[in-house]
Amino acid sequence: MTQTQHCGLVAVVGAPNAGKSTLVNALVGQKVAIVSPKAQTTRTKLLGVAIEGEAQILLVDTPGIFEPQRRLDRAMVAAAWTGTEGADLIALVVDGKGGVGGKVERIAEALKDRPERKILILNKVDIADKPKLLLHAEKLNALIGFADTWFVSAQTGDGVAELKAALAAAMPAGPWHYPEDQVSDASERALASEVTREQLYLQLHAELPYASTVETEKYSEREDGSVEIHQQILVERPTQRAIVLGKGGQRIKEIGARARAELAGIMDRPVHLYLHVKVKPGWDEDREVYRDIGLDWVE
C-alpha cells in the first residue's frame, strides 16, 4: 500500500426509477447492476467498485425508497436504509425530469439530520426541462444543506467524469478494500439470477409486474472452462407461467438466449443456461427466497 491511497463508501439513495443503478454502472465503467424502465428493479443493495486515480470508491446501489405495501416492499426499503450505514458520503439521486414529489421530499426529510456528508445528484438532465432543474435543486437544498449539487445524465455520461473525480477527492485516506480488477461484491451465481430477472423485466414489461423472481439452483464449471447454470423462474399463477413461456416456448427461449449472451460477455467464457418456470403461490412470503435474493426477512 502506498500512503496516497484513498478508499471510502458512497451510499447511492433515491426514489424508484431515479437512475441509481445506471449511474453506478456509469461510475464503475461497466455493468454491475441490472437496469430496466420498471420502477423498483433493484431489490437488494449491491456494491460497485469504481477507481479514479489513487482512490477506490465503493458505491452502494440501493433499492428505491417508497411507501411499502407488502413484505417484499418492506424488505427492499430496509435494505436501502441499511445500505447507508457506515457511509462516508450519501448521494441522493433525483430524477431531474420527474422532479421533486412527495417521495423525494420524504427521503430528504429522513436524511436531513444524518451526520454524513451529503450531495445531491440531479440525473437525466438530457431529457429534463433545464429551468426546472435549478428550481428542483433550490427546493432540495432548502430542505437539506447539501455539500454539493451535481447535474448529470447517467445515460449519456454527461457530467459523470466530473462527478467521479469529486467523489474520489472526497474519499478518506486508507488502503483499497478490493483488488484493482474487481468491480462488484456480487458472486457470479447472484449476478446470473439478476441478469435473467432483468430480461424478464425488459421483455415482458407490464405483463409480469413484481410477480416473479429468479433462483439459481445449480452453478458449476465444466472441464472445458465453460459454466453451466440452472435457474428457476418463480411466478405466482399458472397464467403468469404461460406468459413467461410464450407461444410454443418462444418467449423463454428468447429470455434465455439474451441472458446467456450477456452472461458470457460479463464472465468472458461460454455459458450454458437452462431455465424452467415454476408456479409457487406466495413465493414472496418464503424465507428461503428472501435469503437467496439477499434480503433480510422483515415482519
C-alpha atoms as a PDB file:
ATOM      1  CA  MET A   1       0.000   0.000   0.000  1.00  0.00           C
ATOM      2  CA  THR A   2       1.175   3.497  -0.797  1.00  0.00           C
ATOM      3  CA  GLN A   3       0.362   6.353   1.517  1.00  0.00           C
ATOM      4  CA  THR A   4      -1.531   8.081  -1.284  1.00  0.00           C
ATOM      5  CA  GLN A   5      -4.316   5.502  -1.499  1.00  0.00           C
ATOM      6  CA  HIS A   6      -7.853   6.566  -0.604  1.00  0.00           C
ATOM      7  CA  CYS A   7     -10.956   4.438  -0.121  1.00  0.00           C
ATOM      8  CA  GLY A   8     -14.474   5.213   1.045  1.00  0.00           C
ATOM      9  CA  LEU A   9     -18.124   4.230   0.905  1.00  0.00           C
ATOM     10  CA  VAL A  10     -20.750   6.191  -1.028  1.00  0.00           C
ATOM     11  CA  ALA A  11     -24.406   5.258  -0.407  1.00  0.00           C
ATOM     12  CA  VAL A  12     -26.495   5.963  -3.517  1.00  0.00           C
ATOM     13  CA  VAL A  13     -30.126   6.514  -2.481  1.00  0.00           C
ATOM     14  CA  GLY A  14     -33.304   7.881  -4.020  1.00  0.00           C
ATOM     15  CA  ALA A  15     -36.849   7.130  -5.120  1.00  0.00           C
ATOM     16  CA  PRO A  16     -37.567   4.294  -7.581  1.00  0.00           C
ATOM     17  CA  ASN A  17     -36.552   4.986 -11.188  1.00  0.00           C
ATOM     18  CA  ALA A  18     -34.200   7.871 -10.354  1.00  0.00           C
ATOM     19  CA  GLY A  19     -31.484   6.107 -12.356  1.00  0.00           C
ATOM     20  CA  LYS A  20     -29.316   4.997  -9.421  1.00  0.00           C
ATOM     21  CA  SER A  21     -28.222   1.693 -10.975  1.00  0.00           C
ATOM     22  CA  THR A  22     -27.464   3.317 -14.337  1.00  0.00           C
ATOM     23  CA  LEU A  23     -25.366   5.919 -12.518  1.00  0.00           C
ATOM     24  CA  VAL A  24     -23.459   3.288 -10.508  1.00  0.00           C
ATOM     25  CA  ASN A  25     -22.737   1.388 -13.742  1.00  0.00           C
ATOM     26  CA  ALA A  26     -21.522   4.600 -15.399  1.00  0.00           C
ATOM     27  CA  LEU A  27     -19.230   5.451 -12.476  1.00  0.00           C
ATOM     28  CA  VAL A  28     -17.795   1.919 -12.324  1.00  0.00           C
ATOM     29  CA  GLY A  29     -17.302   1.940 -16.090  1.00  0.00           C
ATOM     30  CA  GLN A  30     -19.112  -1.341 -16.724  1.00  0.00           C
ATOM     31  CA  LYS A  31     -22.348  -3.067 -15.816  1.00  0.00           C
ATOM     32  CA  VAL A  32     -22.592  -4.241 -12.208  1.00  0.00           C
ATOM     33  CA  ALA A  33     -26.279  -3.547 -11.538  1.00  0.00           C
ATOM     34  CA  ILE A  34     -29.272  -4.542 -13.664  1.00  0.00           C
ATOM     35  CA  VAL A  35     -31.474  -1.795 -15.069  1.00  0.00           C
ATOM     36  CA  SER A  36     -34.910  -1.618 -16.651  1.00  0.00           C
ATOM     37  CA  PRO A  37     -37.544   1.077 -17.227  1.00  0.00           C
ATOM     38  CA  LYS A  38     -39.598  -0.588 -14.470  1.00  0.00           C
ATOM     39  CA  ALA A  39     -39.545   1.054 -11.044  1.00  0.00           C
ATOM     40  CA  GLN A  40     -38.095  -0.991  -8.172  1.00  0.00           C
ATOM     41  CA  THR A  41     -35.920  -3.141 -10.441  1.00  0.00           C
ATOM     42  CA  THR A  42     -33.173  -3.166  -7.789  1.00  0.00           C
ATOM     43  CA  ARG A  43     -34.242  -5.417  -4.920  1.00  0.00           C
ATOM     44  CA  THR A  44     -31.201  -5.555  -2.670  1.00  0.00           C
ATOM     45  CA  LYS A  45     -28.136  -3.466  -2.044  1.00  0.00           C
ATOM     46  CA  LEU A  46     -25.157  -4.118  -4.284  1.00  0.00           C
ATOM     47  CA  LEU A  47     -21.615  -2.813  -4.158  1.00  0.00           C
ATOM     48  CA  GLY A  48     -19.978  -1.360  -7.263  1.00  0.00           C
ATOM     49  CA  VAL A  49     -16.246  -0.625  -7.132  1.00  0.00           C
ATOM     50  CA  ALA A  50     -15.005   2.431  -9.056  1.00  0.00           C
ATOM     51  CA  ILE A  51     -11.389   3.553  -9.326  1.00  0.00           C
ATOM     52  CA  GLU A  52     -10.244   7.093 -10.008  1.00  0.00           C
ATOM     53  CA  GLY A  53      -6.515   7.731  -9.711  1.00  0.00           C
ATOM     54  CA  GLU A  54      -5.423   6.548  -6.274  1.00  0.00           C
ATOM     55  CA  ALA A  55      -8.976   6.455  -4.930  1.00  0.00           C
ATOM     56  CA  GLN A  56     -11.260   3.434  -4.719  1.00  0.00           C
ATOM     57  CA  ILE A  57     -14.911   4.466  -4.486  1.00  0.00           C
ATOM     58  CA  LEU A  58     -17.236   1.824  -3.036  1.00  0.00           C
ATOM     59  CA  LEU A  59     -20.697   2.626  -4.389  1.00  0.00           C
ATOM     60  CA  VAL A  60     -23.647   1.026  -2.600  1.00  0.00           C
ATOM     61  CA  ASP A  61     -26.509   0.823  -5.096  1.00  0.00           C
ATOM     62  CA  THR A  62     -29.693   0.600  -3.010  1.00  0.00           C
ATOM     63  CA  PRO A  63     -33.320  -0.235  -3.846  1.00  0.00           C
ATOM     64  CA  GLY A  64     -35.588   2.743  -4.463  1.00  0.00           C
ATOM     65  CA  ILE A  65     -37.225   4.085  -1.318  1.00  0.00           C
ATOM     66  CA  PHE A  66     -41.034   4.178  -1.448  1.00  0.00           C
ATOM     67  CA  GLU A  67     -44.079   3.516   0.734  1.00  0.00           C
ATOM     68  CA  PRO A  68     -44.013  -0.278   1.276  1.00  0.00           C
ATOM     69  CA  GLN A  69     -47.256  -2.203   0.766  1.00  0.00           C
ATOM     70  CA  ARG A  70     -46.136  -5.797   1.408  1.00  0.00           C
ATOM     71  CA  ARG A  71     -43.307  -7.807   2.975  1.00  0.00           C
ATOM     72  CA  LEU A  72     -41.110  -7.737  -0.158  1.00  0.00           C
ATOM     73  CA  ASP A  73     -41.510  -3.945  -0.311  1.00  0.00           C
ATOM     74  CA  ARG A  74     -40.597  -3.582   3.375  1.00  0.00           C
ATOM     75  CA  ALA A  75     -37.513  -5.766   2.927  1.00  0.00           C
ATOM     76  CA  MET A  76     -36.373  -3.713  -0.089  1.00  0.00           C
ATOM     77  CA  VAL A  77     -36.789  -0.385   1.743  1.00  0.00           C
ATOM     78  CA  ALA A  78     -34.998  -1.797   4.802  1.00  0.00           C
ATOM     79  CA  ALA A  79     -32.118  -2.866   2.533  1.00  0.00           C
ATOM     80  CA  ALA A  80     -31.941   0.669   1.125  1.00  0.00           C
ATOM     81  CA  TRP A  81     -31.578   2.252   4.555  1.00  0.00           C
ATOM     82  CA  THR A  82     -29.075  -0.324   5.836  1.00  0.00           C
ATOM     83  CA  GLY A  83     -27.055   0.443   2.707  1.00  0.00           C
ATOM     84  CA  THR A  84     -26.402   3.921   4.088  1.00  0.00           C
ATOM     85  CA  GLU A  85     -24.865   2.647   7.328  1.00  0.00           C
ATOM     86  CA  GLY A  86     -21.183   3.430   7.685  1.00  0.00           C
ATOM     87  CA  ALA A  87     -21.125   5.590   4.556  1.00  0.00           C
ATOM     88  CA  ASP A  88     -18.533   8.331   4.189  1.00  0.00           C
ATOM     89  CA  LEU A  89     -20.910  10.142   1.862  1.00  0.00           C
ATOM     90  CA  ILE A  90     -24.604   9.840   0.975  1.00  0.00           C
ATOM     91  CA  ALA A  91     -25.621  10.721  -2.589  1.00  0.00           C
ATOM     92  CA  LEU A  92     -29.318  11.495  -3.104  1.00  0.00           C
ATOM     93  CA  VAL A  93     -30.137  10.818  -6.761  1.00  0.00           C
ATOM     94  CA  VAL A  94     -33.225  12.574  -8.113  1.00  0.00           C
ATOM     95  CA  ASP A  95     -34.912  12.121 -11.484  1.00  0.00           C
ATOM     96  CA  GLY A  96     -34.368  15.565 -12.985  1.00  0.00           C
ATOM     97  CA  LYS A  97     -37.284  15.070 -15.383  1.00  0.00           C
ATOM     98  CA  GLY A  98     -39.705  13.787 -12.734  1.00  0.00           C
ATOM     99  CA  GLY A  99     -38.751  16.483 -10.260  1.00  0.00           C
ATOM    100  CA  VAL A 100     -39.366  16.770  -6.545  1.00  0.00           C
ATOM    101  CA  GLY A 101     -42.505  14.984  -5.390  1.00  0.00           C
ATOM    102  CA  GLY A 102     -43.662  13.603  -2.063  1.00  0.00           C
ATOM    103  CA  LYS A 103     -41.415  10.514  -2.288  1.00  0.00           C
ATOM    104  CA  VAL A 104     -38.274  12.592  -2.790  1.00  0.00           C
ATOM    105  CA  GLU A 105     -39.241  15.052  -0.048  1.00  0.00           C
ATOM    106  CA  ARG A 106     -39.812  12.210   2.446  1.00  0.00           C
ATOM    107  CA  ILE A 107     -36.366  10.749   1.666  1.00  0.00           C
ATOM    108  CA  ALA A 108     -34.787  14.204   2.040  1.00  0.00           C
ATOM    109  CA  GLU A 109     -36.508  14.645   5.400  1.00  0.00           C
ATOM    110  CA  ALA A 110     -35.183  11.279   6.575  1.00  0.00           C
ATOM    111  CA  LEU A 111     -31.650  12.264   5.532  1.00  0.00           C
ATOM    112  CA  LYS A 112     -31.772  15.791   6.928  1.00  0.00           C
ATOM    113  CA  ASP A 113     -30.337  15.092  10.373  1.00  0.00           C
ATOM    114  CA  ARG A 114     -27.904  12.386   9.315  1.00  0.00           C
ATOM    115  CA  PRO A 115     -24.307  13.293  10.236  1.00  0.00           C
ATOM    116  CA  GLU A 116     -22.743  12.058   6.968  1.00  0.00           C
ATOM    117  CA  ARG A 117     -21.644  14.436   4.212  1.00  0.00           C
ATOM    118  CA  LYS A 118     -24.474  14.571   1.672  1.00  0.00           C
ATOM    119  CA  ILE A 119     -24.541  15.512  -2.004  1.00  0.00           C
ATOM    120  CA  LEU A 120     -27.439  15.996  -4.402  1.00  0.00           C
ATOM    121  CA  ILE A 121     -27.312  14.493  -7.895  1.00  0.00           C
ATOM    122  CA  LEU A 122     -29.971  15.573 -10.370  1.00  0.00           C
ATOM    123  CA  ASN A 123     -29.960  12.861 -13.031  1.00  0.00           C
ATOM    124  CA  LYS A 124     -31.466  12.622 -16.546  1.00  0.00           C
ATOM    125  CA  VAL A 125     -30.508  16.203 -17.430  1.00  0.00           C
ATOM    126  CA  ASP A 126     -30.518  15.179 -21.108  1.00  0.00           C
ATOM    127  CA  ILE A 127     -34.321  14.851 -21.058  1.00  0.00           C
ATOM    128  CA  ALA A 128     -35.199  17.287 -18.249  1.00  0.00           C
ATOM    129  CA  ASP A 129     -36.618  20.790 -18.509  1.00  0.00           C
ATOM    130  CA  LYS A 130     -33.459  22.882 -17.854  1.00  0.00           C
ATOM    131  CA  PRO A 131     -35.038  25.836 -15.992  1.00  0.00           C
ATOM    132  CA  LYS A 132     -36.913  23.422 -13.716  1.00  0.00           C
ATOM    133  CA  LEU A 133     -33.666  21.647 -12.792  1.00  0.00           C
ATOM    134  CA  LEU A 134     -32.464  24.737 -10.951  1.00  0.00           C
ATOM    135  CA  LEU A 135     -35.795  25.010  -9.131  1.00  0.00           C
ATOM    136  CA  HIS A 136     -35.569  21.349  -8.052  1.00  0.00           C
ATOM    137  CA  ALA A 137     -32.028  21.955  -6.794  1.00  0.00           C
ATOM    138  CA  GLU A 138     -33.066  25.070  -4.858  1.00  0.00           C
ATOM    139  CA  LYS A 139     -36.047  23.315  -3.279  1.00  0.00           C
ATOM    140  CA  LEU A 140     -33.988  20.345  -2.084  1.00  0.00           C
ATOM    141  CA  ASN A 141     -31.059  22.459  -0.896  1.00  0.00           C
ATOM    142  CA  ALA A 142     -33.545  24.427   1.202  1.00  0.00           C
ATOM    143  CA  LEU A 143     -34.542  21.144   2.886  1.00  0.00           C
ATOM    144  CA  ILE A 144     -31.001  19.806   3.376  1.00  0.00           C
ATOM    145  CA  GLY A 145     -27.637  21.518   3.463  1.00  0.00           C
ATOM    146  CA  PHE A 146     -26.045  19.507   0.649  1.00  0.00           C
ATOM    147  CA  ALA A 147     -22.268  19.841   0.392  1.00  0.00           C
ATOM    148  CA  ASP A 148     -22.535  19.841  -3.431  1.00  0.00           C
ATOM    149  CA  THR A 149     -25.114  19.653  -6.188  1.00  0.00           C
ATOM    150  CA  TRP A 150     -24.410  17.835  -9.451  1.00  0.00           C
ATOM    151  CA  PHE A 151     -26.304  17.785 -12.737  1.00  0.00           C
ATOM    152  CA  VAL A 152     -25.619  14.601 -14.723  1.00  0.00           C
ATOM    153  CA  SER A 153     -27.004  12.175 -17.246  1.00  0.00           C
ATOM    154  CA  ALA A 154     -26.013   8.638 -16.331  1.00  0.00           C
ATOM    155  CA  GLN A 155     -27.444   7.519 -19.668  1.00  0.00           C
ATOM    156  CA  THR A 156     -25.315   9.771 -21.894  1.00  0.00           C
ATOM    157  CA  GLY A 157     -22.380  10.168 -19.495  1.00  0.00           C
ATOM    158  CA  ASP A 158     -22.793  13.949 -19.313  1.00  0.00           C
ATOM    159  CA  GLY A 159     -21.169  15.194 -16.089  1.00  0.00           C
ATOM    160  CA  VAL A 160     -20.279  11.671 -14.879  1.00  0.00           C
ATOM    161  CA  ALA A 161     -16.480  12.068 -15.186  1.00  0.00           C
ATOM    162  CA  GLU A 162     -16.567  15.305 -13.170  1.00  0.00           C
ATOM    163  CA  LEU A 163     -18.786  13.690 -10.514  1.00  0.00           C
ATOM    164  CA  LYS A 164     -16.445  10.685 -10.284  1.00  0.00           C
ATOM    165  CA  ALA A 165     -13.433  12.965  -9.778  1.00  0.00           C
ATOM    166  CA  ALA A 166     -15.270  14.818  -6.996  1.00  0.00           C
ATOM    167  CA  LEU A 167     -16.262  11.562  -5.280  1.00  0.00           C
ATOM    168  CA  ALA A 168     -12.649  10.383  -5.446  1.00  0.00           C
ATOM    169  CA  ALA A 169     -11.453  13.640  -3.877  1.00  0.00           C
ATOM    170  CA  ALA A 170     -13.941  13.153  -1.010  1.00  0.00           C
ATOM    171  CA  MET A 171     -12.710   9.657  -0.094  1.00  0.00           C
ATOM    172  CA  PRO A 172     -10.674   9.358   3.124  1.00  0.00           C
ATOM    173  CA  ALA A 173      -7.063   8.148   3.098  1.00  0.00           C
ATOM    174  CA  GLY A 174      -6.762   4.401   3.540  1.00  0.00           C
ATOM    175  CA  PRO A 175      -5.952   1.139   1.746  1.00  0.00           C
ATOM    176  CA  TRP A 176      -8.155  -0.203  -1.019  1.00  0.00           C
ATOM    177  CA  HIS A 177     -10.683  -2.827   0.104  1.00  0.00           C
ATOM    178  CA  TYR A 178     -10.834  -4.746  -3.195  1.00  0.00           C
ATOM    179  CA  PRO A 179      -8.357  -5.854  -5.870  1.00  0.00           C
ATOM    180  CA  GLU A 180      -7.973  -3.443  -8.776  1.00  0.00           C
ATOM    181  CA  ASP A 181      -9.783  -5.745 -11.216  1.00  0.00           C
ATOM    182  CA  GLN A 182     -12.858  -6.389  -9.003  1.00  0.00           C
ATOM    183  CA  VAL A 183     -15.894  -4.295  -9.931  1.00  0.00           C
ATOM    184  CA  SER A 184     -18.571  -5.698  -7.596  1.00  0.00           C
ATOM    185  CA  ASP A 185     -19.115  -7.732  -4.431  1.00  0.00           C
ATOM    186  CA  ALA A 186     -21.776  -9.866  -6.148  1.00  0.00           C
ATOM    187  CA  SER A 187     -20.917 -13.507  -6.847  1.00  0.00           C
ATOM    188  CA  GLU A 188     -21.266 -14.793 -10.421  1.00  0.00           C
ATOM    189  CA  ARG A 189     -24.083 -17.013  -9.148  1.00  0.00           C
ATOM    190  CA  ALA A 190     -26.023 -13.990  -7.835  1.00  0.00           C
ATOM    191  CA  LEU A 191     -25.240 -11.984 -10.960  1.00  0.00           C
ATOM    192  CA  ALA A 192     -26.631 -14.786 -13.129  1.00  0.00           C
ATOM    193  CA  SER A 193     -30.003 -14.589 -11.350  1.00  0.00           C
ATOM    194  CA  GLU A 194     -30.085 -10.811 -11.728  1.00  0.00           C
ATOM    195  CA  VAL A 195     -29.278 -10.872 -15.457  1.00  0.00           C
ATOM    196  CA  THR A 196     -32.130 -13.304 -16.129  1.00  0.00           C
ATOM    197  CA  ARG A 197     -34.506 -11.220 -13.992  1.00  0.00           C
ATOM    198  CA  GLU A 198     -33.512  -8.152 -15.988  1.00  0.00           C
ATOM    199  CA  GLN A 199     -34.527  -9.938 -19.194  1.00  0.00           C
ATOM    200  CA  LEU A 200     -37.902 -10.838 -17.650  1.00  0.00           C
ATOM    201  CA  TYR A 201     -38.481  -7.139 -16.978  1.00  0.00           C
ATOM    202  CA  LEU A 202     -37.211  -5.959 -20.345  1.00  0.00           C
ATOM    203  CA  GLN A 203     -39.104  -8.489 -22.438  1.00  0.00           C
ATOM    204  CA  LEU A 204     -42.367  -8.794 -20.530  1.00  0.00           C
ATOM    205  CA  HIS A 205     -42.847  -5.148 -19.470  1.00  0.00           C
ATOM    206  CA  ALA A 206     -46.195  -4.694 -17.717  1.00  0.00           C
ATOM    207  CA  GLU A 207     -47.342  -8.277 -18.341  1.00  0.00           C
ATOM    208  CA  LEU A 208     -45.427  -9.582 -15.312  1.00  0.00           C
ATOM    209  CA  PRO A 209     -45.028  -6.835 -12.704  1.00  0.00           C
ATOM    210  CA  TYR A 210     -43.382  -7.968  -9.453  1.00  0.00           C
ATOM    211  CA  ALA A 211     -44.877 -11.421  -9.506  1.00  0.00           C
ATOM    212  CA  SER A 212     -41.623 -13.165 -10.421  1.00  0.00           C
ATOM    213  CA  THR A 213     -38.151 -13.886  -9.125  1.00  0.00           C
ATOM    214  CA  VAL A 214     -35.215 -15.972 -10.321  1.00  0.00           C
ATOM    215  CA  GLU A 215     -33.319 -18.578  -8.288  1.00  0.00           C
ATOM    216  CA  THR A 216     -30.035 -20.096  -9.432  1.00  0.00           C
ATOM    217  CA  GLU A 217     -30.391 -23.737  -8.405  1.00  0.00           C
ATOM    218  CA  LYS A 218     -27.124 -25.064  -9.834  1.00  0.00           C
ATOM    219  CA  TYR A 219     -23.944 -23.281 -10.837  1.00  0.00           C
ATOM    220  CA  SER A 220     -20.941 -25.347 -11.899  1.00  0.00           C
ATOM    221  CA  GLU A 221     -17.855 -25.143 -14.086  1.00  0.00           C
ATOM    222  CA  ARG A 222     -17.351 -27.704 -16.805  1.00  0.00           C
ATOM    223  CA  GLU A 223     -13.975 -29.239 -17.607  1.00  0.00           C
ATOM    224  CA  ASP A 224     -13.719 -27.137 -20.775  1.00  0.00           C
ATOM    225  CA  GLY A 225     -13.869 -23.905 -18.699  1.00  0.00           C
ATOM    226  CA  SER A 226     -17.472 -23.062 -19.582  1.00  0.00           C
ATOM    227  CA  VAL A 227     -20.167 -22.511 -16.951  1.00  0.00           C
ATOM    228  CA  GLU A 228     -23.393 -24.485 -16.546  1.00  0.00           C
ATOM    229  CA  ILE A 229     -26.253 -22.642 -14.847  1.00  0.00           C
ATOM    230  CA  HIS A 230     -29.704 -23.996 -13.985  1.00  0.00           C
ATOM    231  CA  GLN A 231     -32.285 -21.415 -12.939  1.00  0.00           C
ATOM    232  CA  GLN A 232     -35.856 -21.495 -11.736  1.00  0.00           C
ATOM    233  CA  ILE A 233     -38.209 -18.618 -12.507  1.00  0.00           C
ATOM    234  CA  LEU A 234     -40.861 -18.413  -9.791  1.00  0.00           C
ATOM    235  CA  VAL A 235     -44.282 -16.975 -10.585  1.00  0.00           C
ATOM    236  CA  GLU A 236     -47.473 -16.856  -8.546  1.00  0.00           C
ATOM    237  CA  ARG A 237     -50.089 -18.132 -11.026  1.00  0.00           C
ATOM    238  CA  PRO A 238     -50.359 -20.546 -13.993  1.00  0.00           C
ATOM    239  CA  THR A 239     -51.370 -17.643 -16.266  1.00  0.00           C
ATOM    240  CA  GLN A 240     -48.050 -15.951 -15.454  1.00  0.00           C
ATOM    241  CA  ARG A 241     -46.182 -19.153 -16.274  1.00  0.00           C
ATOM    242  CA  ALA A 242     -47.834 -19.140 -19.685  1.00  0.00           C
ATOM    243  CA  ILE A 243     -46.709 -15.524 -20.221  1.00  0.00           C
ATOM    244  CA  VAL A 244     -43.083 -16.360 -19.392  1.00  0.00           C
ATOM    245  CA  LEU A 245     -43.099 -19.440 -21.646  1.00  0.00           C
ATOM    246  CA  GLY A 246     -44.761 -17.636 -24.552  1.00  0.00           C
ATOM    247  CA  LYS A 247     -46.341 -19.253 -27.585  1.00  0.00           C
ATOM    248  CA  GLY A 248     -44.596 -22.540 -28.293  1.00  0.00           C
ATOM    249  CA  GLY A 249     -41.965 -21.696 -25.659  1.00  0.00           C
ATOM    250  CA  GLN A 250     -40.593 -18.841 -27.786  1.00  0.00           C
ATOM    251  CA  ARG A 251     -40.523 -16.198 -25.040  1.00  0.00           C
ATOM    252  CA  ILE A 252     -38.497 -18.222 -22.551  1.00  0.00           C
ATOM    253  CA  LYS A 253     -36.095 -19.183 -25.364  1.00  0.00           C
ATOM    254  CA  GLU A 254     -35.542 -15.501 -26.118  1.00  0.00           C
ATOM    255  CA  ILE A 255     -35.130 -14.630 -22.412  1.00  0.00           C
ATOM    256  CA  GLY A 256     -32.580 -17.429 -22.091  1.00  0.00           C
ATOM    257  CA  ALA A 257     -30.705 -16.508 -25.265  1.00  0.00           C
ATOM    258  CA  ARG A 258     -30.266 -12.858 -24.290  1.00  0.00           C
ATOM    259  CA  ALA A 259     -29.362 -13.633 -20.678  1.00  0.00           C
ATOM    260  CA  ARG A 260     -26.860 -16.276 -21.844  1.00  0.00           C
ATOM    261  CA  ALA A 261     -25.210 -13.866 -24.293  1.00  0.00           C
ATOM    262  CA  GLU A 262     -24.899 -11.153 -21.647  1.00  0.00           C
ATOM    263  CA  LEU A 263     -23.508 -13.517 -19.023  1.00  0.00           C
ATOM    264  CA  ALA A 264     -20.961 -14.916 -21.494  1.00  0.00           C
ATOM    265  CA  GLY A 265     -19.808 -11.353 -22.159  1.00  0.00           C
ATOM    266  CA  ILE A 266     -19.557 -10.497 -18.455  1.00  0.00           C
ATOM    267  CA  MET A 267     -17.823 -13.745 -17.488  1.00  0.00           C
ATOM    268  CA  ASP A 268     -15.696 -13.873 -20.631  1.00  0.00           C
ATOM    269  CA  ARG A 269     -16.375 -17.573 -21.241  1.00  0.00           C
ATOM    270  CA  PRO A 270     -19.123 -19.772 -22.716  1.00  0.00           C
ATOM    271  CA  VAL A 271     -22.309 -20.140 -20.630  1.00  0.00           C
ATOM    272  CA  HIS A 272     -24.857 -22.965 -20.782  1.00  0.00           C
ATOM    273  CA  LEU A 273     -28.074 -21.604 -19.290  1.00  0.00           C
ATOM    274  CA  TYR A 274     -31.107 -23.775 -18.532  1.00  0.00           C
ATOM    275  CA  LEU A 275     -34.352 -22.104 -17.452  1.00  0.00           C
ATOM    276  CA  HIS A 276     -37.595 -23.534 -16.178  1.00  0.00           C
ATOM    277  CA  VAL A 277     -40.686 -21.852 -14.801  1.00  0.00           C
ATOM    278  CA  LYS A 278     -42.378 -22.933 -11.591  1.00  0.00           C
ATOM    279  CA  VAL A 279     -45.711 -21.762 -10.195  1.00  0.00           C
ATOM    280  CA  LYS A 280     -45.200 -21.050  -6.494  1.00  0.00           C
ATOM    281  CA  PRO A 281     -48.085 -19.076  -4.961  1.00  0.00           C
ATOM    282  CA  GLY A 282     -46.857 -16.755  -2.215  1.00  0.00           C
ATOM    283  CA  TRP A 283     -43.152 -17.079  -3.091  1.00  0.00           C
ATOM    284  CA  ASP A 284     -42.731 -13.566  -1.674  1.00  0.00           C
ATOM    285  CA  GLU A 285     -43.676 -14.955   1.773  1.00  0.00           C
ATOM    286  CA  ASP A 286     -40.980 -17.651   1.716  1.00  0.00           C
ATOM    287  CA  ARG A 287     -37.970 -17.053   3.979  1.00  0.00           C
ATOM    288  CA  GLU A 288     -35.680 -19.139   1.740  1.00  0.00           C
ATOM    289  CA  VAL A 289     -36.457 -16.975  -1.280  1.00  0.00           C
ATOM    290  CA  TYR A 290     -35.500 -13.870   0.703  1.00  0.00           C
ATOM    291  CA  ARG A 291     -32.225 -15.478   1.692  1.00  0.00           C
ATOM    292  CA  ASP A 292     -31.471 -16.334  -1.946  1.00  0.00           C
ATOM    293  CA  ILE A 293     -32.311 -12.801  -3.093  1.00  0.00           C
ATOM    294  CA  GLY A 294     -30.091 -11.351  -0.356  1.00  0.00           C
ATOM    295  CA  LEU A 295     -32.833  -9.610   1.603  1.00  0.00           C
ATOM    296  CA  ASP A 296     -33.474  -9.732   5.344  1.00  0.00           C
ATOM    297  CA  TRP A 297     -36.799 -11.167   6.486  1.00  0.00           C
ATOM    298  CA  VAL A 298     -38.843  -8.322   7.939  1.00  0.00           C
ATOM    299  CA  GLU A 299     -42.050  -8.571   9.944  1.00  0.00           C
END
